[in-house]
Amino acid sequence: MHVYFSGIGGTGISALAVIAKQAGYDVSGSDARNSQYLDYLRQKGVTDTHVGLAREQIAEVHSKNPIDWYVYGSAQPLDFPDNPEFVFCQENGIKMSKRDEFVSEILNQKKLKMIAVAGTHGKTTTTAMAVWLFKQLGVPVSYSVGAKISFGDMGNFDPASQYFIYEADEFDRNFLSFYPEVSLITGIDWDHPDIYPSREEYYAAFRQFLGQGKLSYTWQDDAKRLGVQASDSLELIDEHDSEIDSNVHLSGHVNRQDAWLVASSLAKLLDKPREELIEALNKFPGLSRRFEQLAPNLYTDYAHTPAKIRGALQAAHEVAGDNVVVVYEGLHNTRQHFIKDELAALFDGVKQLYVVPSYLARENPNLELLTPDKLLNLLSNLSREHAATAQLNDDLAAKIREHTDQGDLVLALSAGSGNSLDEWLREQFK
């Protein structure tokens, strides 16, 4: 079967493309912009890719090897409502679906049981930790992680595996397509108002997700938010347990919580004591764009919601005390409007803040563009005392080098796709 992935440079779709290639499918695809993920895919044998969404390009691919299934990411119809690839597939009778349907196809064809990791924040790190744990124990596993990892591919299909560990994204209600063997909820805080207009709608989706798993695990505080109680199919874990920080030795409190959740949730499945799993997780090497060190004193993190930002800042202060400098790139203008009240005081405790233009994608055209100057004006008086606007240019690169040279920890809060702060930093400091 020939599967064509649109948006193949996205984190979730690129991992799925690698899985499909390893599972024996013919794989091709396109993305609207070039990125490091396209280079990554080529290294993994997914070479039939191109930049652009032109009809002529997909038609040429189809003429050489007829496309059986066209898979696209949840954001594709929003970002490109007039996508010529959609029209081409409709005219040529090519099966079209979002990624969740193709994931279900792989699960059914390969007879895999899903371990799903969902939540507003922490799901990528938690997914990667679960994969690391299986690998450390020598248990064959297939998986999809929404970031690059040093101990394997972003996506992997192992024919000897019984389980498929999946980062189950709530955007566009993707996670509601699955009925996992085991579900982990890492943390809940209202997000994606374009999909869930109210907090209650967001919570209702997570309640439904919990009900679809055979056995689910979540934190006690999140259970209170959702209005659910422990049962035979739902186990609650105390996120305030003092043993978390005393037994888990990873940097950053949120990372220690993620590791505790993984060990507590998978101990029964793997038939191992939690203490043994914690020992393996204490060796977790981290992953791309999650407090990832790019150069001495320079870190990048995908934190883009208030809870994620607070977690990244806590880790930075844990390492560098008061000497934390932040370069902030908002992920989506729509989200900046949504979080602007919480954004005001988030950076009160840093030494210096640079605000660069937000990374724009699937935006609401009716919303005012919050430029760096306008974002700066939304900050508290305390934050504005040590804040400035900046552009991705030589001047900012020089300031970052000045800070790192004098011993400050520079934390870049950034998107990770093409033309983002993250990619610019990788070019400047490689």
Protein backbone atom coordinates (compact mmCIF):
# COMPACT_ATOMS: atom_id res chain seq x y z
CA MET A 1 0.00 0.00 0.00
CA HIS A 2 1.24 3.48 -0.91
CA VAL A 3 0.52 6.06 1.81
CA TYR A 4 1.04 9.77 1.13
CA PHE A 5 1.44 12.00 4.21
CA SER A 6 0.55 15.67 3.89
CA GLY A 7 2.29 17.84 6.49
CA ILE A 8 4.98 15.17 6.69
CA GLY A 9 7.35 17.67 8.33
CA GLY A 10 5.14 17.93 11.41
CA THR A 11 6.26 16.10 14.54
CA GLY A 12 3.32 13.69 14.76
CA ILE A 13 3.05 13.00 11.03
CA SER A 14 6.81 12.54 10.55
CA ALA A 15 6.91 9.92 13.33
CA LEU A 16 3.95 8.14 11.73
CA ALA A 17 5.69 8.19 8.34
CA VAL A 18 8.73 6.44 9.85
CA ILE A 19 6.45 3.84 11.45
CA ALA A 20 4.66 3.22 8.15
CA LYS A 21 7.98 2.81 6.33
CA GLN A 22 9.21 0.29 8.92
CA ALA A 23 5.88 -1.55 8.82
CA GLY A 24 6.27 -2.19 5.09
CA TYR A 25 4.19 0.55 3.49
CA ASP A 26 5.35 2.66 0.53
CA VAL A 27 5.68 6.18 1.94
CA SER A 28 5.77 9.62 0.31
CA GLY A 29 4.63 13.07 1.35
CA SER A 30 4.78 16.83 1.28
CA ASP A 31 5.01 19.80 3.60
CA ALA A 32 4.30 23.48 3.09
CA ARG A 33 7.74 24.49 4.38
CA ASN A 34 11.18 22.98 4.65
CA SER A 35 12.40 21.96 8.10
CA GLN A 36 14.86 19.83 10.04
CA TYR A 37 12.21 17.09 10.17
CA LEU A 38 12.32 16.61 6.39
CA ASP A 39 16.09 16.14 6.66
CA TYR A 40 15.48 13.67 9.50
CA LEU A 41 13.00 11.67 7.39
CA ARG A 42 15.44 11.42 4.50
CA GLN A 43 18.03 10.00 6.88
CA LYS A 44 15.47 7.35 7.89
CA GLY A 45 14.79 6.28 4.32
CA VAL A 46 11.69 8.39 3.64
CA THR A 47 13.15 10.12 0.59
CA ASP A 48 10.10 10.68 -1.63
CA THR A 49 9.16 14.03 -0.08
CA HIS A 50 8.85 17.55 -1.42
CA VAL A 51 8.17 21.09 -0.21
CA GLY A 52 4.95 22.66 -1.44
CA LEU A 53 1.33 21.67 -1.84
CA ALA A 54 1.01 22.06 -5.61
CA ARG A 55 -1.30 19.80 -7.59
CA GLU A 56 1.48 19.08 -10.08
CA GLN A 57 3.74 17.62 -7.39
CA ILE A 58 1.25 15.12 -5.97
CA ALA A 59 0.11 14.25 -9.48
CA GLU A 60 3.67 13.34 -10.42
CA VAL A 61 4.02 11.13 -7.33
CA HIS A 62 0.69 9.45 -8.12
CA SER A 63 1.66 8.82 -11.76
CA LYS A 64 4.81 6.92 -10.71
CA ASN A 65 3.23 4.93 -7.88
CA PRO A 66 -0.56 5.27 -7.41
CA ILE A 67 -1.46 6.62 -3.97
CA ASP A 68 -3.81 4.37 -1.98
CA TRP A 69 -4.23 6.45 1.16
CA TYR A 70 -3.76 10.19 1.74
CA VAL A 71 -3.11 10.97 5.44
CA TYR A 72 -3.10 14.51 6.75
CA GLY A 73 -2.58 16.21 10.10
CA SER A 74 -5.39 17.80 12.09
CA ALA A 75 -4.16 21.32 11.36
CA GLN A 76 -3.97 20.87 7.58
CA PRO A 77 -7.59 21.84 6.75
CA LEU A 78 -7.26 24.89 9.02
CA ASP A 79 -3.91 26.06 7.69
CA PHE A 80 -4.68 25.31 4.03
CA PRO A 81 -8.46 25.25 3.42
CA ASP A 82 -7.92 25.38 -0.35
CA ASN A 83 -5.22 22.71 -0.38
CA PRO A 84 -4.91 21.54 -4.02
CA GLU A 85 -3.82 18.11 -2.79
CA PHE A 86 -7.27 17.61 -1.26
CA VAL A 87 -8.93 18.43 -4.56
CA PHE A 88 -6.61 16.08 -6.47
CA CYS A 89 -7.36 13.18 -4.10
CA GLN A 90 -11.10 13.78 -4.27
CA GLU A 91 -11.04 13.86 -8.07
CA ASN A 92 -8.97 10.68 -8.24
CA GLY A 93 -10.90 8.64 -5.68
CA ILE A 94 -7.97 8.39 -3.25
CA LYS A 95 -8.89 7.44 0.33
CA MET A 96 -8.37 10.42 2.66
CA SER A 97 -8.24 10.55 6.44
CA LYS A 98 -6.61 12.23 9.40
CA ARG A 99 -3.74 10.43 11.09
CA ASP A 100 -5.86 8.78 13.81
CA GLU A 101 -7.59 6.50 11.30
CA PHE A 102 -4.27 5.35 9.87
CA VAL A 103 -2.89 4.73 13.38
CA SER A 104 -5.93 2.55 14.05
CA GLU A 105 -5.21 0.67 10.81
CA ILE A 106 -1.68 -0.14 11.98
CA LEU A 107 -2.96 -1.23 15.41
CA ASN A 108 -5.50 -3.57 13.82
CA GLN A 109 -3.22 -4.96 11.12
CA LYS A 110 -0.31 -5.57 13.47
CA LYS A 111 -2.46 -6.59 16.45
CA LEU A 112 -0.95 -4.02 18.82
CA LYS A 113 -2.36 -2.80 22.14
CA MET A 114 -2.14 0.95 22.73
CA ILE A 115 -0.54 2.64 25.72
CA ALA A 116 -1.83 6.19 25.26
CA VAL A 117 -0.28 9.27 26.89
CA ALA A 118 -2.54 12.33 26.91
CA GLY A 119 -2.69 15.65 28.70
CA THR A 120 -2.31 19.38 28.19
CA HIS A 121 1.32 19.36 29.23
CA GLY A 122 4.04 16.75 29.73
CA LYS A 123 2.77 14.17 27.26
CA THR A 124 5.79 14.21 24.94
CA THR A 125 8.28 13.79 27.78
CA THR A 126 6.10 11.16 29.45
CA THR A 127 5.72 9.24 26.17
CA ALA A 128 9.49 9.30 25.67
CA MET A 129 10.03 8.11 29.25
CA ALA A 130 7.68 5.17 28.69
CA VAL A 131 9.60 4.22 25.53
CA TRP A 132 12.92 4.55 27.40
CA LEU A 133 11.60 2.29 30.15
CA PHE A 134 10.57 -0.47 27.72
CA LYS A 135 13.96 -0.25 26.03
CA GLN A 136 15.85 -0.37 29.33
CA LEU A 137 13.92 -3.50 30.30
CA GLY A 138 14.51 -5.10 26.90
CA VAL A 139 10.79 -5.32 26.10
CA PRO A 140 10.04 -4.96 22.35
CA VAL A 141 7.83 -1.93 21.70
CA SER A 142 6.42 0.15 18.87
CA TYR A 143 5.83 3.85 19.51
CA SER A 144 5.29 7.40 18.30
CA VAL A 145 6.91 10.35 20.13
CA GLY A 146 6.34 13.99 19.21
CA ALA A 147 10.03 14.95 19.40
CA LYS A 148 13.45 13.63 18.47
CA ILE A 149 15.02 11.25 20.98
CA SER A 150 18.63 10.15 21.32
CA PHE A 151 17.79 6.49 21.99
CA GLY A 152 15.74 5.72 18.88
CA ASP A 153 13.66 7.11 16.05
CA MET A 154 10.72 9.44 16.69
CA GLY A 155 8.51 6.64 15.45
CA ASN A 156 9.23 2.93 15.47
CA PHE A 157 7.52 -0.29 14.47
CA ASP A 158 8.91 -3.48 16.00
CA PRO A 159 7.29 -6.65 14.59
CA ALA A 160 8.04 -8.42 17.89
CA SER A 161 6.13 -5.86 19.95
CA GLN A 162 2.84 -6.33 21.75
CA TYR A 163 2.34 -2.68 22.70
CA PHE A 164 2.25 0.63 20.84
CA ILE A 165 3.08 3.69 22.98
CA TYR A 166 1.34 6.72 21.49
CA GLU A 167 1.34 10.42 22.28
CA ALA A 168 -2.42 10.98 22.08
CA ASP A 169 -3.03 14.62 21.21
CA GLU A 170 -6.29 16.27 22.27
CA PHE A 171 -6.13 18.84 19.45
CA ASP A 172 -9.04 18.29 17.06
CA ARG A 173 -10.20 15.54 19.47
CA ASN A 174 -7.64 13.16 17.96
CA PHE A 175 -7.31 11.10 21.14
CA LEU A 176 -11.00 10.22 21.19
CA SER A 177 -10.46 7.88 18.23
CA PHE A 178 -8.74 5.30 20.43
CA TYR A 179 -9.64 2.71 23.07
CA PRO A 180 -6.30 2.14 24.83
CA GLU A 181 -5.22 -0.82 26.89
CA VAL A 182 -3.60 1.68 29.29
CA SER A 183 -4.09 5.47 29.42
CA LEU A 184 -1.91 8.02 31.23
CA ILE A 185 -3.10 11.61 31.79
CA THR A 186 -0.11 13.83 32.52
CA GLY A 187 -1.78 17.10 33.50
CA ILE A 188 -4.86 19.06 32.47
CA ASP A 189 -5.22 22.79 31.92
CA TRP A 190 -7.68 24.26 29.40
CA ASP A 191 -6.06 24.71 25.96
CA HIS A 192 -6.99 24.85 22.25
CA PRO A 193 -9.95 27.26 22.58
CA ASP A 194 -10.39 27.03 18.80
CA ILE A 195 -11.45 23.40 19.30
CA TYR A 196 -12.88 23.59 22.84
CA PRO A 197 -14.62 26.97 23.29
CA SER A 198 -15.12 26.41 27.02
CA ARG A 199 -13.18 24.81 29.84
CA GLU A 200 -16.07 22.40 30.43
CA GLU A 201 -15.94 21.15 26.81
CA TYR A 202 -12.21 20.53 27.23
CA TYR A 203 -12.75 18.64 30.47
CA ALA A 204 -15.63 16.65 28.94
CA ALA A 205 -13.29 15.38 26.20
CA PHE A 206 -10.82 14.12 28.81
CA ARG A 207 -13.60 12.45 30.79
CA GLN A 208 -14.65 10.66 27.62
CA PHE A 209 -11.04 9.65 26.92
CA LEU A 210 -10.69 8.19 30.42
CA GLY A 211 -13.86 6.19 29.86
CA GLN A 212 -12.47 4.66 26.67
CA GLY A 213 -9.39 3.11 28.29
CA LYS A 214 -9.39 -0.32 29.90
CA LEU A 215 -7.17 1.01 32.70
CA SER A 216 -6.36 4.69 33.20
CA TYR A 217 -4.09 6.66 35.51
CA THR A 218 -4.18 10.34 36.38
CA TRP A 219 -3.21 12.74 39.17
CA GLN A 220 -5.59 13.31 42.08
CA ASP A 221 -5.82 17.06 41.39
CA ASP A 222 -6.74 16.45 37.74
CA ALA A 223 -9.40 13.96 38.81
CA LYS A 224 -10.92 16.68 41.00
CA ARG A 225 -10.90 19.09 38.06
CA LEU A 226 -12.67 16.54 35.90
CA GLY A 227 -15.09 15.48 38.62
CA VAL A 228 -14.12 11.79 38.41
CA GLN A 229 -13.35 9.30 41.15
CA ALA A 230 -11.11 6.25 41.49
CA SER A 231 -12.61 3.01 40.21
CA ASP A 232 -11.60 -0.42 38.94
CA SER A 233 -10.64 1.23 35.65
CA LEU A 234 -9.20 4.50 37.01
CA GLU A 235 -6.31 4.77 39.46
CA LEU A 236 -5.41 8.13 41.00
CA ILE A 237 -1.85 9.13 41.89
CA ASP A 238 -0.85 11.78 44.44
CA GLU A 239 1.27 14.42 42.71
CA HIS A 240 2.21 15.89 46.11
CA ASP A 241 3.82 12.67 47.35
CA SER A 242 7.14 13.63 48.96
CA GLU A 243 8.73 10.47 47.56
CA ILE A 244 8.65 11.96 44.04
CA ASP A 245 11.43 14.49 44.66
CA SER A 246 13.32 12.23 47.06
CA ASN A 247 13.41 9.15 44.78
CA VAL A 248 13.49 10.63 41.28
CA HIS A 249 16.75 12.42 40.54
CA LEU A 250 16.04 14.08 37.18
CA SER A 251 16.36 17.84 36.72
CA GLY A 252 13.10 19.80 36.94
CA HIS A 253 10.15 19.03 39.18
CA VAL A 254 7.81 18.43 36.22
CA ASN A 255 10.23 15.83 34.84
CA ARG A 256 10.32 14.09 38.19
CA GLN A 257 6.52 14.04 38.25
CA ASP A 258 6.38 12.62 34.71
CA ALA A 259 8.79 9.83 35.66
CA TRP A 260 6.75 9.01 38.78
CA LEU A 261 3.57 8.81 36.69
CA VAL A 262 5.21 6.44 34.20
CA ALA A 263 6.61 4.16 36.89
CA SER A 264 3.36 4.11 38.85
CA SER A 265 1.24 3.46 35.74
CA LEU A 266 3.36 0.76 34.11
CA ALA A 267 4.47 -1.24 37.16
CA LYS A 268 1.44 -3.55 36.94
CA LEU A 269 1.67 -3.97 33.16
CA LEU A 270 5.39 -4.76 33.25
CA ASP A 271 5.11 -6.81 36.46
CA LYS A 272 7.96 -4.88 38.07
CA PRO A 273 8.14 -2.95 41.35
CA ARG A 274 7.91 0.81 40.99
CA GLU A 275 11.33 1.21 42.62
CA GLU A 276 12.99 -0.79 39.84
CA LEU A 277 11.28 1.32 37.18
CA ILE A 278 12.32 4.55 38.92
CA GLU A 279 15.92 3.34 38.89
CA ALA A 280 15.75 2.95 35.10
CA LEU A 281 13.99 6.30 34.63
CA ASN A 282 16.64 8.11 36.65
CA LYS A 283 18.93 7.44 33.68
CA PHE A 284 16.51 9.05 31.19
CA PRO A 285 18.63 11.20 28.81
CA GLY A 286 15.96 13.76 27.88
CA LEU A 287 14.68 14.63 24.43
CA SER A 288 14.70 17.31 21.78
CA ARG A 289 13.18 20.70 22.61
CA ARG A 290 12.36 19.79 26.21
CA PHE A 291 14.91 21.80 28.21
CA GLU A 292 17.42 20.65 25.58
CA GLN A 293 20.91 22.12 25.80
CA LEU A 294 22.03 23.49 22.42
CA ALA A 295 25.30 25.03 23.63
CA PRO A 296 26.91 25.86 26.99
CA ASN A 297 24.28 27.78 29.00
CA LEU A 298 21.79 27.81 26.09
CA TYR A 299 18.59 25.75 26.29
CA THR A 300 15.51 25.40 24.09
CA ASP A 301 12.06 24.31 25.24
CA TYR A 302 8.73 23.86 23.48
CA ALA A 303 6.84 25.30 26.47
CA HIS A 304 3.96 27.39 25.13
CA THR A 305 1.18 27.26 27.71
CA PRO A 306 1.43 28.93 31.15
CA ALA A 307 1.79 25.59 32.95
CA LYS A 308 4.53 24.42 30.57
CA ILE A 309 6.32 27.76 30.81
CA ARG A 310 6.27 27.62 34.61
CA GLY A 311 7.69 24.09 34.47
CA ALA A 312 10.51 25.12 32.13
CA LEU A 313 11.33 28.17 34.27
CA GLN A 314 11.43 26.01 37.41
CA ALA A 315 13.96 23.71 35.76
CA ALA A 316 16.05 26.68 34.60
CA HIS A 317 16.09 28.28 38.07
CA GLU A 318 16.97 24.88 39.56
CA VAL A 319 20.11 24.90 37.39
CA ALA A 320 21.06 28.60 37.37
CA GLY A 321 19.39 30.24 40.37
CA ASP A 322 18.53 33.87 39.61
CA ASN A 323 20.66 34.02 36.47
CA VAL A 324 17.93 33.01 34.00
CA VAL A 325 17.41 34.90 30.73
CA VAL A 326 14.40 34.10 28.54
CA VAL A 327 13.84 34.53 24.82
CA TYR A 328 10.10 34.18 24.27
CA GLU A 329 8.47 33.22 20.99
CA GLY A 330 4.73 32.78 21.44
CA LEU A 331 3.26 29.76 19.68
CA HIS A 332 0.28 31.13 17.71
CA ASN A 333 -1.18 34.61 17.93
CA THR A 334 -4.54 33.07 18.84
CA ARG A 335 -2.99 31.45 21.92
CA GLN A 336 -1.36 34.75 22.99
CA HIS A 337 -4.81 36.29 23.19
CA PHE A 338 -6.04 33.26 25.13
CA ILE A 339 -3.22 33.30 27.73
CA LYS A 340 -2.47 37.04 27.91
CA ASP A 341 -3.77 37.47 31.46
CA GLU A 342 -1.54 34.65 32.77
CA LEU A 343 1.35 35.78 30.58
CA ALA A 344 1.53 39.09 32.39
CA ALA A 345 3.45 37.89 35.45
CA LEU A 346 5.03 34.66 34.17
CA PHE A 347 8.43 36.28 33.67
CA ASP A 348 8.58 38.45 36.79
CA GLY A 349 11.36 36.30 38.27
CA VAL A 350 13.80 36.20 35.34
CA LYS A 351 16.90 38.35 34.95
CA GLN A 352 16.20 39.48 31.37
CA LEU A 353 13.40 38.81 28.87
CA TYR A 354 13.51 39.20 25.09
CA VAL A 355 10.18 38.99 23.24
CA VAL A 356 10.42 38.03 19.56
CA PRO A 357 7.58 37.73 16.99
CA SER A 358 5.17 34.87 17.63
CA TYR A 359 5.21 31.77 15.45
CA LEU A 360 2.07 32.02 13.32
CA ALA A 361 -0.05 29.08 12.14
CA ARG A 362 -3.80 28.31 11.88
CA GLU A 363 -4.62 31.82 13.14
CA ASN A 364 -7.93 33.56 13.66
CA PRO A 365 -7.81 36.42 11.12
CA ASN A 366 -10.24 38.46 13.20
CA LEU A 367 -7.81 38.79 16.10
CA GLU A 368 -5.37 41.67 16.37
CA LEU A 369 -1.76 40.61 15.75
CA LEU A 370 0.06 40.85 19.07
CA THR A 371 3.48 42.08 17.97
CA PRO A 372 6.43 41.95 20.39
CA ASP A 373 5.74 45.59 21.38
CA LYS A 374 2.09 44.81 22.12
CA LEU A 375 3.00 41.67 24.07
CA LEU A 376 5.48 43.71 26.08
CA ASN A 377 2.72 46.15 27.01
CA LEU A 378 0.64 43.26 28.36
CA LEU A 379 3.32 42.33 30.90
CA SER A 380 3.39 43.40 34.53
CA ASN A 381 5.39 46.46 35.56
CA LEU A 382 7.96 44.17 37.16
CA SER A 383 8.45 42.13 33.98
CA ARG A 384 8.71 45.25 31.81
CA GLU A 385 11.61 46.49 33.94
CA HIS A 386 13.83 43.72 32.53
CA ALA A 387 12.16 43.11 29.14
CA ALA A 388 12.87 44.19 25.57
CA THR A 389 11.65 43.31 22.10
CA ALA A 390 13.97 41.59 19.62
CA GLN A 391 14.15 40.06 16.15
CA LEU A 392 15.88 36.88 14.99
CA ASN A 393 19.01 38.65 13.79
CA ASP A 394 22.70 39.17 14.52
CA ASP A 395 21.94 41.62 17.32
CA LEU A 396 19.94 39.02 19.27
CA ALA A 397 22.58 36.35 18.60
CA ALA A 398 25.24 38.68 20.04
CA LYS A 399 23.14 39.37 23.15
CA ILE A 400 22.59 35.65 23.71
CA ARG A 401 26.34 35.01 23.44
CA GLU A 402 27.03 37.85 25.87
CA HIS A 403 24.65 36.33 28.41
CA THR A 404 25.96 32.77 28.06
CA ASP A 405 29.58 33.95 28.22
CA GLN A 406 28.97 35.71 31.53
CA GLY A 407 27.33 32.61 33.00
CA ASP A 408 23.62 33.31 32.54
CA LEU A 409 21.34 30.43 31.50
CA VAL A 410 19.46 31.48 28.35
CA LEU A 411 16.15 29.65 27.95
CA ALA A 412 14.46 29.91 24.55
CA LEU A 413 10.72 29.21 24.67
CA SER A 414 9.97 28.38 21.08
CA ALA A 415 7.98 26.52 18.47
CA GLY A 416 9.99 23.87 16.67
CA SER A 417 8.97 24.05 13.03
CA GLY A 418 10.53 25.77 10.03
CA ASN A 419 11.49 29.45 10.49
CA SER A 420 11.01 29.28 14.26
CA LEU A 421 13.25 30.60 17.01
CA ASP A 422 14.29 27.01 17.70
CA GLU A 423 15.54 26.40 14.16
CA TRP A 424 17.23 29.83 14.05
CA LEU A 425 19.11 29.01 17.25
CA ARG A 426 20.25 25.67 15.87
CA GLU A 427 21.71 27.46 12.86
CA GLN A 428 23.35 30.21 14.91
CA PHE A 429 24.83 28.00 17.62
CA LYS A 430 25.41 24.65 15.90
